[in-house]
């Protein structure tokens, strides 16, 4: 029996197959499946036998895990490319496969470096630390893709109270340690039980709420037009958007304080939308504000993806972190015109300035994140330091009926928990929702239907530890855990 286990550890072919399987298991850990316990299981499967591999074999194992993960969990990009990017099936499939295989290289690099730099001593710690550093690399290199991080599903697990302490990367670190220490326990290394028990028991003693709610509620209404994306930028689509959102707004009760339209709710430039917004403003209750996502153009001819308001509001926001290909085109001189997908209506957007002041609306200081920005934990934490609530507007129509919008919502929920603030989320066709400071959904509109979602929220005072520091303490901790396993340090000792 021991010989069979020994051989299984050292079979690269079986390890490669298990890596693909582990990628799929990680997707099942995330929304909408939310089998959060599969995330540490997947990492444990990758950890088994890693030191029996050469660095190249470890890189292949990591790459195949990434293919399994993104092939199952992020292949919704096909919907954007084919259904809404005017690209034929063969080319859309090719671009999707290219995307999956390219993003998976982050795991290949992480595993190669880990195996090249470390040995088996203290491996349970060093592998977990390397895992998180790999996630950090994926978050920021080449504009970043912090989607499907190992810690995200833990918002629904007993580990969730760690989120306000150290954010998603601390959750990833604890998830990875659960996987590696669990493997050590299966090998009857009983000492691993102590840190493992601590990681799971400490959350029971952490504060349930780090921030304080104001006594006076704010009544908000999030409008979801559910308009067809392919018609959106046509003359007919523009008129439908005007009619839909003005009528939905007119139907709001007189006690509404804040109305929110989603990202580019009106498919036109702000200059063209202003007369419409001013007519809507005339029908708002005196205390109310309206915020909407809108495409802007400045005096220099640059375009911005922004949020503007009318009524009881002051200021605006311009999206700071843009989506490659969707909002700007890398290597534009080469790619522009080559494929229809590279000529999307908003693929010429300019990034907004960093450190923009918060929008003030309905008596609230509001931290804004447009669409993809909500997945960047530290960007959102920076906004939360100066605001009462968090707002995200999005157009998840690009994802179709895939699991993408549900994953997006899960990450928005985690931002609420990390910062102890309400996150109000207005989308074009779902998932429009409100998450409370514990990351729980308090109100949610049905997907793919026209809807008006109304509920009370509260301005939140105070800061979580994560809001104050951001992710850097978790990054430092991950680095510290890697150090004992480094071959050079061990040989000198």
Protein backbone atom coordinates (compact mmCIF):
# COMPACT_ATOMS: atom_id res chain seq x y z
CA UNK A 1 0.00 0.00 0.00
CA UNK A 2 2.77 2.43 0.87
CA UNK A 3 4.57 1.61 -2.37
CA UNK A 4 1.46 2.40 -4.40
CA UNK A 5 1.11 5.77 -2.66
CA UNK A 6 4.78 6.44 -3.22
CA UNK A 7 4.45 5.69 -6.93
CA UNK A 8 1.29 7.78 -7.22
CA UNK A 9 3.13 10.78 -5.77
CA UNK A 10 5.80 10.45 -8.43
CA UNK A 11 3.70 9.87 -11.53
CA UNK A 12 3.73 13.12 -13.53
CA UNK A 13 0.99 11.89 -15.88
CA UNK A 14 -1.43 11.18 -13.03
CA UNK A 15 -0.43 14.46 -11.41
CA UNK A 16 -1.24 16.33 -14.62
CA UNK A 17 -4.68 14.74 -14.81
CA UNK A 18 -5.34 15.56 -11.15
CA UNK A 19 -4.26 19.16 -11.80
CA UNK A 20 -6.90 19.52 -14.52
CA UNK A 21 -9.49 18.04 -12.16
CA UNK A 22 -8.42 20.38 -9.37
CA UNK A 23 -9.02 23.36 -11.65
CA UNK A 24 -12.59 22.25 -12.17
CA UNK A 25 -13.05 21.68 -8.44
CA UNK A 26 -11.96 25.27 -7.77
CA UNK A 27 -14.64 26.55 -10.14
CA UNK A 28 -17.21 24.49 -8.23
CA UNK A 29 -16.06 26.23 -5.06
CA UNK A 30 -17.13 29.60 -6.47
CA UNK A 31 -20.56 31.01 -7.30
CA UNK A 32 -23.06 29.83 -8.35
CA UNK A 33 -22.08 26.40 -7.01
CA UNK A 34 -20.51 27.75 -3.80
CA UNK A 35 -18.97 24.47 -2.64
CA UNK A 36 -16.35 26.53 -0.80
CA UNK A 37 -14.70 23.51 0.84
CA UNK A 38 -13.49 22.30 -2.58
CA UNK A 39 -11.02 25.20 -2.80
CA UNK A 40 -8.61 23.87 -0.11
CA UNK A 41 -9.17 20.34 -1.44
CA UNK A 42 -8.00 21.43 -4.88
CA UNK A 43 -4.89 23.09 -3.44
CA UNK A 44 -4.16 19.97 -1.41
CA UNK A 45 -4.33 17.86 -4.57
CA UNK A 46 -1.80 20.15 -6.24
CA UNK A 47 0.48 20.08 -3.21
CA UNK A 48 0.68 16.28 -3.09
CA UNK A 49 3.87 15.10 -4.78
CA UNK A 50 4.99 18.56 -5.89
CA UNK A 51 8.58 17.96 -4.71
CA UNK A 52 8.84 14.76 -6.73
CA UNK A 53 8.62 16.89 -9.89
CA UNK A 54 11.29 18.84 -11.72
CA UNK A 55 10.67 22.58 -12.08
CA UNK A 56 9.51 22.04 -15.67
CA UNK A 57 7.13 19.25 -14.63
CA UNK A 58 5.81 21.47 -11.83
CA UNK A 59 5.23 24.26 -14.37
CA UNK A 60 3.24 21.89 -16.59
CA UNK A 61 1.19 20.82 -13.58
CA UNK A 62 0.47 24.43 -12.68
CA UNK A 63 -0.40 25.30 -16.28
CA UNK A 64 -2.84 22.40 -16.55
CA UNK A 65 -4.47 23.45 -13.28
CA UNK A 66 -4.90 26.93 -14.74
CA UNK A 67 -6.43 25.50 -17.90
CA UNK A 68 -8.85 23.46 -15.81
CA UNK A 69 -9.69 26.50 -13.69
CA UNK A 70 -10.14 29.13 -16.38
CA UNK A 71 -11.48 26.69 -18.95
CA UNK A 72 -14.34 25.86 -16.61
CA UNK A 73 -14.61 29.10 -14.64
CA UNK A 74 -13.82 31.90 -17.08
CA UNK A 75 -14.75 30.54 -20.49
CA UNK A 76 -17.69 32.95 -20.38
CA UNK A 77 -15.38 35.25 -22.35
CA UNK A 78 -16.61 33.26 -25.35
CA UNK A 79 -20.03 34.88 -24.92
CA UNK A 80 -18.49 38.36 -25.03
CA UNK A 81 -16.35 37.54 -28.05
CA UNK A 82 -18.93 35.62 -30.12
CA UNK A 83 -22.37 36.81 -29.08
CA UNK A 84 -21.53 40.49 -28.61
CA UNK A 85 -18.14 40.89 -30.30
CA UNK A 86 -19.34 40.11 -33.82
CA UNK A 87 -16.88 37.22 -34.14
CA UNK A 88 -17.55 33.87 -35.84
CA UNK A 89 -17.56 30.60 -33.92
CA UNK A 90 -14.13 29.28 -35.06
CA UNK A 91 -12.32 32.53 -34.28
CA UNK A 92 -14.25 33.03 -31.04
CA UNK A 93 -13.28 29.52 -29.91
CA UNK A 94 -9.66 30.16 -30.86
CA UNK A 95 -9.55 33.46 -28.94
CA UNK A 96 -11.22 31.86 -25.91
CA UNK A 97 -8.75 28.96 -25.87
CA UNK A 98 -5.88 31.41 -26.33
CA UNK A 99 -7.14 33.47 -23.40
CA UNK A 100 -7.49 30.42 -21.13
CA UNK A 101 -4.07 29.03 -22.04
CA UNK A 102 -2.42 32.42 -21.61
CA UNK A 103 -3.93 33.22 -18.20
CA UNK A 104 -3.04 29.70 -17.04
CA UNK A 105 0.63 30.57 -17.55
CA UNK A 106 0.51 32.50 -14.26
CA UNK A 107 0.22 29.17 -12.44
CA UNK A 108 2.96 27.69 -14.61
CA UNK A 109 5.33 30.48 -13.61
CA UNK A 110 4.35 30.23 -9.94
CA UNK A 111 4.87 26.47 -9.79
CA UNK A 112 8.13 26.62 -11.71
CA UNK A 113 9.57 29.28 -9.40
CA UNK A 114 8.32 27.45 -6.34
CA UNK A 115 9.89 24.16 -7.34
CA UNK A 116 13.15 25.81 -8.46
CA UNK A 117 13.58 27.89 -5.32
CA UNK A 118 12.27 25.68 -2.52
CA UNK A 119 12.74 22.21 -1.09
CA UNK A 120 10.48 19.85 0.86
CA UNK A 121 11.31 21.28 4.29
CA UNK A 122 8.52 23.55 5.61
CA UNK A 123 6.76 22.88 2.31
CA UNK A 124 3.26 23.18 3.78
CA UNK A 125 4.04 26.80 4.64
CA UNK A 126 6.12 27.73 1.61
CA UNK A 127 3.65 26.29 -0.91
CA UNK A 128 0.78 28.28 0.63
CA UNK A 129 2.86 31.46 0.65
CA UNK A 130 3.92 30.93 -2.96
CA UNK A 131 0.29 30.38 -3.93
CA UNK A 132 -0.71 33.80 -2.63
CA UNK A 133 2.27 35.55 -4.19
CA UNK A 134 1.23 33.98 -7.48
CA UNK A 135 -2.26 35.44 -7.04
CA UNK A 136 -0.74 38.86 -6.38
CA UNK A 137 1.30 38.53 -9.58
CA UNK A 138 -1.86 37.65 -11.51
CA UNK A 139 -3.69 40.62 -9.99
CA UNK A 140 -1.29 43.27 -11.18
CA UNK A 141 0.89 42.03 -14.05
CA UNK A 142 -0.32 43.06 -17.53
CA UNK A 143 -3.25 45.03 -16.00
CA UNK A 144 -4.23 41.97 -13.95
CA UNK A 145 -6.94 39.32 -13.78
CA UNK A 146 -7.83 38.71 -10.09
CA UNK A 147 -10.74 36.47 -11.01
CA UNK A 148 -11.28 33.11 -9.25
CA UNK A 149 -8.88 33.80 -6.38
CA UNK A 150 -8.78 30.91 -3.92
CA UNK A 151 -10.04 33.05 -1.04
CA UNK A 152 -13.15 34.44 -2.74
CA UNK A 153 -15.46 31.44 -2.09
CA UNK A 154 -14.66 31.62 1.63
CA UNK A 155 -17.13 34.47 2.03
CA UNK A 156 -19.65 31.66 2.56
CA UNK A 157 -17.44 29.58 4.88
CA UNK A 158 -16.54 29.78 8.59
CA UNK A 159 -13.35 31.57 7.48
CA UNK A 160 -15.33 34.66 6.37
CA UNK A 161 -14.56 36.72 9.53
CA UNK A 162 -10.91 36.84 8.41
CA UNK A 163 -11.92 39.01 5.42
CA UNK A 164 -12.22 42.33 7.34
CA UNK A 165 -8.84 41.56 8.94
CA UNK A 166 -6.73 40.85 5.85
CA UNK A 167 -8.94 40.75 2.79
CA UNK A 168 -9.14 38.19 0.03
CA UNK A 169 -5.40 37.42 0.03
CA UNK A 170 -5.48 36.44 3.69
CA UNK A 171 -8.44 34.21 2.88
CA UNK A 172 -6.42 32.70 0.02
CA UNK A 173 -3.47 32.13 2.33
CA UNK A 174 -5.61 30.39 4.95
CA UNK A 175 -7.34 28.37 2.23
CA UNK A 176 -3.98 27.24 0.85
CA UNK A 177 -2.68 26.43 4.33
CA UNK A 178 -5.81 24.38 4.97
CA UNK A 179 -5.04 22.36 1.86
CA UNK A 180 -1.34 21.80 2.60
CA UNK A 181 -1.70 21.19 6.33
CA UNK A 182 -4.59 18.87 5.62
CA UNK A 183 -2.31 16.78 3.41
CA UNK A 184 0.29 16.72 6.18
CA UNK A 185 -2.36 15.45 8.59
CA UNK A 186 -3.25 12.66 6.17
CA UNK A 187 0.43 11.70 6.30
CA UNK A 188 0.07 11.49 10.11
CA UNK A 189 2.14 14.57 10.83
CA UNK A 190 -0.03 15.45 13.78
CA UNK A 191 1.72 18.72 14.58
CA UNK A 192 -0.09 20.23 11.56
CA UNK A 193 -3.34 19.99 13.51
CA UNK A 194 -2.39 22.88 15.81
CA UNK A 195 -2.06 25.69 13.24
CA UNK A 196 -4.93 24.24 11.22
CA UNK A 197 -7.25 24.30 14.23
CA UNK A 198 -6.16 27.84 15.09
CA UNK A 199 -6.89 29.12 11.61
CA UNK A 200 -10.44 27.80 11.77
CA UNK A 201 -11.22 28.53 15.43
CA UNK A 202 -9.91 32.10 15.68
CA UNK A 203 -12.70 33.50 13.45
CA UNK A 204 -15.20 32.49 16.12
CA UNK A 205 -13.67 35.12 18.40
CA UNK A 206 -13.36 37.93 15.85
CA UNK A 207 -15.82 40.87 15.90
CA UNK A 208 -19.00 40.28 13.97
CA UNK A 209 -19.01 43.92 12.87
CA UNK A 210 -16.07 46.34 12.72
CA UNK A 211 -18.03 49.39 11.58
CA UNK A 212 -21.06 51.28 12.93
CA UNK A 213 -24.27 52.02 11.05
CA UNK A 214 -25.85 55.47 11.11
CA UNK A 215 -29.27 55.68 12.71
CA UNK A 216 -30.98 57.25 9.70
CA UNK A 217 -31.52 54.91 6.74
CA UNK A 218 -31.16 55.94 3.11
CA UNK A 219 -33.76 54.53 0.73
CA UNK A 220 -32.20 53.49 -2.56
CA UNK A 221 -33.65 52.17 -5.79
CA UNK A 222 -31.49 50.33 -8.33
CA UNK A 223 -32.96 50.17 -11.82
CA UNK A 224 -32.34 47.28 -14.22
CA UNK A 225 -33.54 47.92 -17.77
CA UNK A 226 -32.78 44.48 -19.27
CA UNK A 227 -32.29 45.93 -22.76
CA UNK A 228 -30.71 43.87 -25.58
CA UNK A 229 -26.98 44.53 -25.88
CA UNK A 230 -26.85 44.09 -29.66
CA UNK A 231 -29.45 46.84 -30.13
CA UNK A 232 -28.05 49.14 -27.47
CA UNK A 233 -26.02 51.54 -29.59
CA UNK A 234 -28.53 51.80 -32.43
CA UNK A 235 -30.95 54.70 -32.71
CA UNK A 236 -33.80 52.39 -31.69
CA UNK A 237 -31.80 51.06 -28.75
CA UNK A 238 -31.05 54.57 -27.53
CA UNK A 239 -34.73 55.49 -27.60
CA UNK A 240 -35.67 52.28 -25.78
CA UNK A 241 -33.11 53.07 -23.07
CA UNK A 242 -34.44 56.60 -22.63
CA UNK A 243 -38.03 55.38 -22.38
CA UNK A 244 -37.22 52.48 -20.06
CA UNK A 245 -35.12 54.32 -17.50
CA UNK A 246 -37.18 57.51 -17.43
CA UNK A 247 -40.37 55.49 -16.91
CA UNK A 248 -38.81 53.31 -14.20
CA UNK A 249 -37.59 56.44 -12.42
CA UNK A 250 -40.97 58.13 -12.68
CA UNK A 251 -42.55 55.13 -10.94
CA UNK A 252 -40.45 55.56 -7.79
CA UNK A 253 -42.14 56.60 -4.57
CA UNK A 254 -41.66 59.99 -2.96
CA UNK A 255 -39.57 58.56 -0.11
CA UNK A 256 -36.70 57.51 -2.40
CA UNK A 257 -33.38 59.18 -1.57
CA UNK A 258 -31.10 57.70 -4.23
CA UNK A 259 -31.86 56.24 -7.67
CA UNK A 260 -29.09 54.43 -9.55
CA UNK A 261 -28.99 53.52 -13.23
CA UNK A 262 -26.36 50.97 -14.38
CA UNK A 263 -23.20 51.35 -16.46
CA UNK A 264 -23.88 53.24 -19.73
CA UNK A 265 -27.61 53.01 -19.03
CA UNK A 266 -28.13 55.61 -21.74
CA UNK A 267 -25.98 54.52 -24.72
CA UNK A 268 -24.84 57.98 -25.70
CA UNK A 269 -22.38 60.64 -24.67
CA UNK A 270 -23.04 62.65 -21.51
CA UNK A 271 -23.49 65.82 -23.57
CA UNK A 272 -26.36 64.17 -25.45
CA UNK A 273 -27.83 62.63 -22.30
CA UNK A 274 -27.83 65.83 -20.23
CA UNK A 275 -31.20 67.16 -21.46
CA UNK A 276 -32.78 63.79 -20.69
CA UNK A 277 -31.24 63.67 -17.22
CA UNK A 278 -32.42 67.20 -16.51
CA UNK A 279 -35.99 66.26 -17.42
CA UNK A 280 -35.74 63.28 -15.08
CA UNK A 281 -34.37 65.56 -12.36
CA UNK A 282 -37.50 67.72 -12.55
CA UNK A 283 -39.58 64.70 -11.48
CA UNK A 284 -37.33 63.57 -8.60
CA UNK A 285 -38.39 64.17 -4.99
CA UNK A 286 -36.63 67.26 -3.56
CA UNK A 287 -34.27 65.20 -1.39
CA UNK A 288 -33.42 62.63 -4.06
CA UNK A 289 -30.36 62.11 -6.23
CA UNK A 290 -29.93 60.13 -9.44
CA UNK A 291 -26.62 58.52 -10.40
CA UNK A 292 -25.97 56.84 -13.73
CA UNK A 293 -23.13 55.29 -15.63
CA UNK A 294 -22.40 57.26 -18.80
CA UNK A 295 -19.85 57.61 -21.58
CA UNK A 296 -18.07 60.98 -21.36
CA UNK A 297 -15.90 62.99 -23.73
CA UNK A 298 -13.73 65.88 -22.57
CA UNK A 299 -12.64 69.00 -24.41
CA UNK A 300 -9.55 67.19 -25.74
CA UNK A 301 -11.68 64.52 -27.38
CA UNK A 302 -10.84 61.76 -24.89
CA UNK A 303 -13.54 59.30 -23.84
CA UNK A 304 -14.19 58.12 -20.27
CA UNK A 305 -16.44 55.52 -18.69
CA UNK A 306 -17.99 57.56 -15.92
CA UNK A 307 -20.67 58.04 -13.30
CA UNK A 308 -22.54 61.35 -13.14
CA UNK A 309 -25.54 62.58 -11.21
CA UNK A 310 -28.41 65.02 -11.06
CA UNK A 311 -30.55 66.23 -8.19
CA UNK A 312 -29.09 66.16 -4.70
CA UNK A 313 -25.62 65.25 -5.90
CA UNK A 314 -22.16 66.70 -6.34
CA UNK A 315 -19.14 65.43 -8.27
CA UNK A 316 -18.53 62.63 -10.76
CA UNK A 317 -16.34 59.58 -11.20
CA UNK A 318 -14.29 58.35 -14.15
CA UNK A 319 -13.25 54.72 -14.29
CA UNK A 320 -9.62 54.31 -13.29
CA UNK A 321 -8.87 50.64 -14.05
CA UNK A 322 -9.88 49.79 -17.60
CA UNK A 323 -10.54 46.38 -19.17
CA UNK A 324 -8.13 45.42 -21.97
CA UNK A 325 -9.88 44.97 -25.34
CA UNK A 326 -13.26 45.92 -23.86
CA UNK A 327 -12.32 49.52 -22.98
CA UNK A 328 -8.92 50.04 -24.52
CA UNK A 329 -6.94 48.15 -27.13
CA UNK A 330 -3.37 47.03 -26.37
CA UNK A 331 -1.15 47.21 -29.47
CA UNK A 332 -3.84 49.32 -31.09
CA UNK A 333 -1.87 50.07 -34.26
CA UNK A 334 -1.64 46.32 -34.94
CA UNK A 335 -5.01 45.02 -33.73
CA UNK A 336 -7.47 47.80 -34.59
CA UNK A 337 -9.54 46.58 -37.54
CA UNK A 338 -8.04 43.08 -37.57
CA UNK A 339 -11.06 41.45 -35.88
CA UNK A 340 -14.51 42.93 -35.24
CA UNK A 341 -14.14 42.17 -31.51
CA UNK A 342 -11.25 44.66 -31.37
CA UNK A 343 -13.55 47.46 -32.59
CA UNK A 344 -16.16 47.41 -29.81
CA UNK A 345 -17.98 50.73 -29.22
CA UNK A 346 -16.12 51.46 -25.97
CA UNK A 347 -12.64 50.12 -26.85
CA UNK A 348 -11.20 53.64 -27.04
CA UNK A 349 -11.66 54.71 -23.40
CA UNK A 350 -9.14 56.70 -21.37
CA UNK A 351 -8.44 55.88 -17.71
CA UNK A 352 -9.63 58.34 -15.10
CA UNK A 353 -7.24 59.99 -12.68
CA UNK A 354 -6.24 58.20 -9.45
CA UNK A 355 -7.39 59.57 -6.08
CA UNK A 356 -10.64 61.09 -7.36
CA UNK A 357 -12.82 62.58 -4.60
CA UNK A 358 -15.98 60.65 -3.74
CA UNK A 359 -19.32 61.49 -5.27
CA UNK A 360 -21.69 63.12 -2.79
CA UNK A 361 -25.31 62.11 -3.28
CA UNK A 362 -28.37 62.02 -1.01
CA UNK A 363 -26.19 63.02 1.94
CA UNK A 364 -23.74 60.15 1.39
CA UNK A 365 -20.09 60.08 0.42
CA UNK A 366 -19.98 57.30 -2.16
CA UNK A 367 -17.01 55.20 -3.23
CA UNK A 368 -17.47 54.15 -6.85
CA UNK A 369 -16.27 51.15 -8.85
CA UNK A 370 -17.40 50.58 -12.41
CA UNK A 371 -17.85 46.95 -13.48
CA UNK A 372 -14.48 45.14 -13.42
CA UNK A 373 -13.02 47.51 -10.81
CA UNK A 374 -14.98 45.82 -8.02
CA UNK A 375 -12.77 42.71 -8.30
CA UNK A 376 -9.69 44.70 -7.20
CA UNK A 377 -9.73 44.51 -3.41
CA UNK A 378 -7.18 47.24 -2.73
CA UNK A 379 -8.69 49.66 -5.23
CA UNK A 380 -12.05 49.32 -3.47
CA UNK A 381 -10.46 49.57 0.00
CA UNK A 382 -8.86 52.85 -1.05
CA UNK A 383 -12.30 54.17 -1.99
CA UNK A 384 -13.84 52.91 1.25
CA UNK A 385 -11.43 54.95 3.41
CA UNK A 386 -13.21 58.17 2.56
CA UNK A 387 -16.80 57.06 2.00
CA UNK A 388 -20.00 55.90 3.70
CA UNK A 389 -21.08 53.27 1.17
CA UNK A 390 -19.72 51.57 -1.94
CA UNK A 391 -21.42 51.72 -5.33
CA UNK A 392 -20.72 49.55 -8.34
CA UNK A 393 -22.47 49.89 -11.69
CA UNK A 394 -21.99 47.26 -14.34
CA UNK A 395 -23.15 45.96 -17.70
CA UNK A 396 -23.00 42.20 -17.21
CA UNK A 397 -25.01 41.69 -20.38
CA UNK A 398 -21.63 40.91 -21.96
CA UNK A 399 -21.56 37.64 -19.97
CA UNK A 400 -24.94 36.39 -21.23
CA UNK A 401 -26.52 33.57 -19.22
CA UNK A 402 -23.12 32.26 -18.09
CA UNK A 403 -21.81 31.95 -14.54
CA UNK A 404 -19.79 35.16 -14.99
CA UNK A 405 -22.35 37.58 -13.46
CA UNK A 406 -22.78 35.33 -10.42
CA UNK A 407 -19.03 35.21 -9.85
CA UNK A 408 -18.96 38.99 -10.25
CA UNK A 409 -21.65 39.37 -7.58
CA UNK A 410 -19.74 37.09 -5.20
CA UNK A 411 -16.67 39.32 -5.46
CA UNK A 412 -18.79 42.42 -4.82
CA UNK A 413 -20.14 40.73 -1.68
CA UNK A 414 -16.58 40.13 -0.50
CA UNK A 415 -15.73 43.81 -0.98
CA UNK A 416 -18.64 44.66 1.32
CA UNK A 417 -17.39 42.28 4.00
CA UNK A 418 -13.77 43.38 3.68
CA UNK A 419 -14.66 47.02 4.24
CA UNK A 420 -17.70 46.79 6.51
CA UNK A 421 -19.81 48.83 4.12
CA UNK A 422 -22.94 48.36 2.07
CA UNK A 423 -22.28 47.63 -1.59
CA UNK A 424 -25.11 48.65 -3.88
CA UNK A 425 -24.82 47.07 -7.32
CA UNK A 426 -26.83 48.28 -10.32
CA UNK A 427 -26.51 46.25 -13.53
CA UNK A 428 -28.12 46.26 -16.96
CA UNK A 429 -29.67 42.79 -16.75
CA UNK A 430 -28.41 41.26 -13.49
CA UNK A 431 -27.33 40.59 -10.95
CA UNK A 432 -28.61 43.83 -9.41
CA UNK A 433 -28.31 43.49 -5.64
CA UNK A 434 -27.51 45.08 -2.27
CA UNK A 435 -24.94 43.48 0.03
CA UNK A 436 -24.78 44.50 3.69
CA UNK A 437 -21.53 45.05 5.64
CA UNK A 438 -21.39 41.32 6.45
CA UNK A 439 -21.41 40.53 2.73
CA UNK A 440 -24.91 39.08 2.81
CA UNK A 441 -27.45 39.88 0.11
CA UNK A 442 -30.34 41.88 1.59
CA UNK A 443 -32.12 42.53 -1.70
CA UNK A 444 -31.72 41.08 -5.18
CA UNK A 445 -33.49 41.60 -8.51
CA UNK A 446 -34.17 38.67 -10.85
CA UNK A 447 -31.78 38.28 -13.77
CA UNK A 448 -32.90 38.99 -17.33
CA UNK A 449 -35.97 40.96 -16.29
CA UNK A 450 -36.77 44.65 -16.11
CA UNK A 451 -36.73 45.46 -12.42
CA UNK A 452 -36.64 48.17 -9.78
CA UNK A 453 -34.88 47.05 -6.60
CA UNK A 454 -35.68 49.18 -3.55
CA UNK A 455 -34.34 48.83 -0.02
CA UNK A 456 -32.90 50.76 2.91
CA UNK A 457 -29.16 51.06 3.51
CA UNK A 458 -27.09 52.85 6.15
CA UNK A 459 -24.00 55.00 6.01
CA UNK A 460 -21.21 53.18 7.84
CA UNK A 461 -18.66 54.81 10.15
CA UNK A 462 -15.27 53.44 11.13
CA UNK A 463 -12.85 51.14 9.35
CA UNK A 464 -12.02 47.47 9.25
CA UNK A 465 -8.34 46.55 9.66
CA UNK A 466 -8.29 45.69 5.96
CA UNK A 467 -9.69 49.08 4.94
CA UNK A 468 -6.93 50.76 6.93
CA UNK A 469 -3.99 48.71 5.63
CA UNK A 470 -5.07 47.06 2.41
CA UNK A 471 -3.49 43.76 1.39
CA UNK A 472 0.19 44.42 2.08
CA UNK A 473 0.26 42.68 5.52
CA UNK A 474 -1.09 39.52 3.88
CA UNK A 475 1.51 39.79 1.12
CA UNK A 476 4.28 40.17 3.70
CA UNK A 477 2.98 37.18 5.64
CA UNK A 478 2.91 35.08 2.47
CA UNK A 479 6.51 36.07 1.75
CA UNK A 480 7.58 35.19 5.29
CA UNK A 481 6.05 31.73 4.93
CA UNK A 482 8.03 31.12 1.74
CA UNK A 483 11.39 32.07 3.26
CA UNK A 484 12.02 28.96 5.44
CA UNK A 485 11.62 26.72 2.42
CA UNK A 486 14.14 28.51 0.21
CA UNK A 487 17.00 26.21 -0.71
CA UNK A 488 19.68 28.84 -0.21
CA UNK A 489 18.53 29.74 3.30
CA UNK A 490 18.25 26.11 4.27
CA UNK A 491 21.72 25.21 2.97
CA UNK A 492 23.32 28.09 4.85
CA UNK A 493 21.57 26.98 8.03
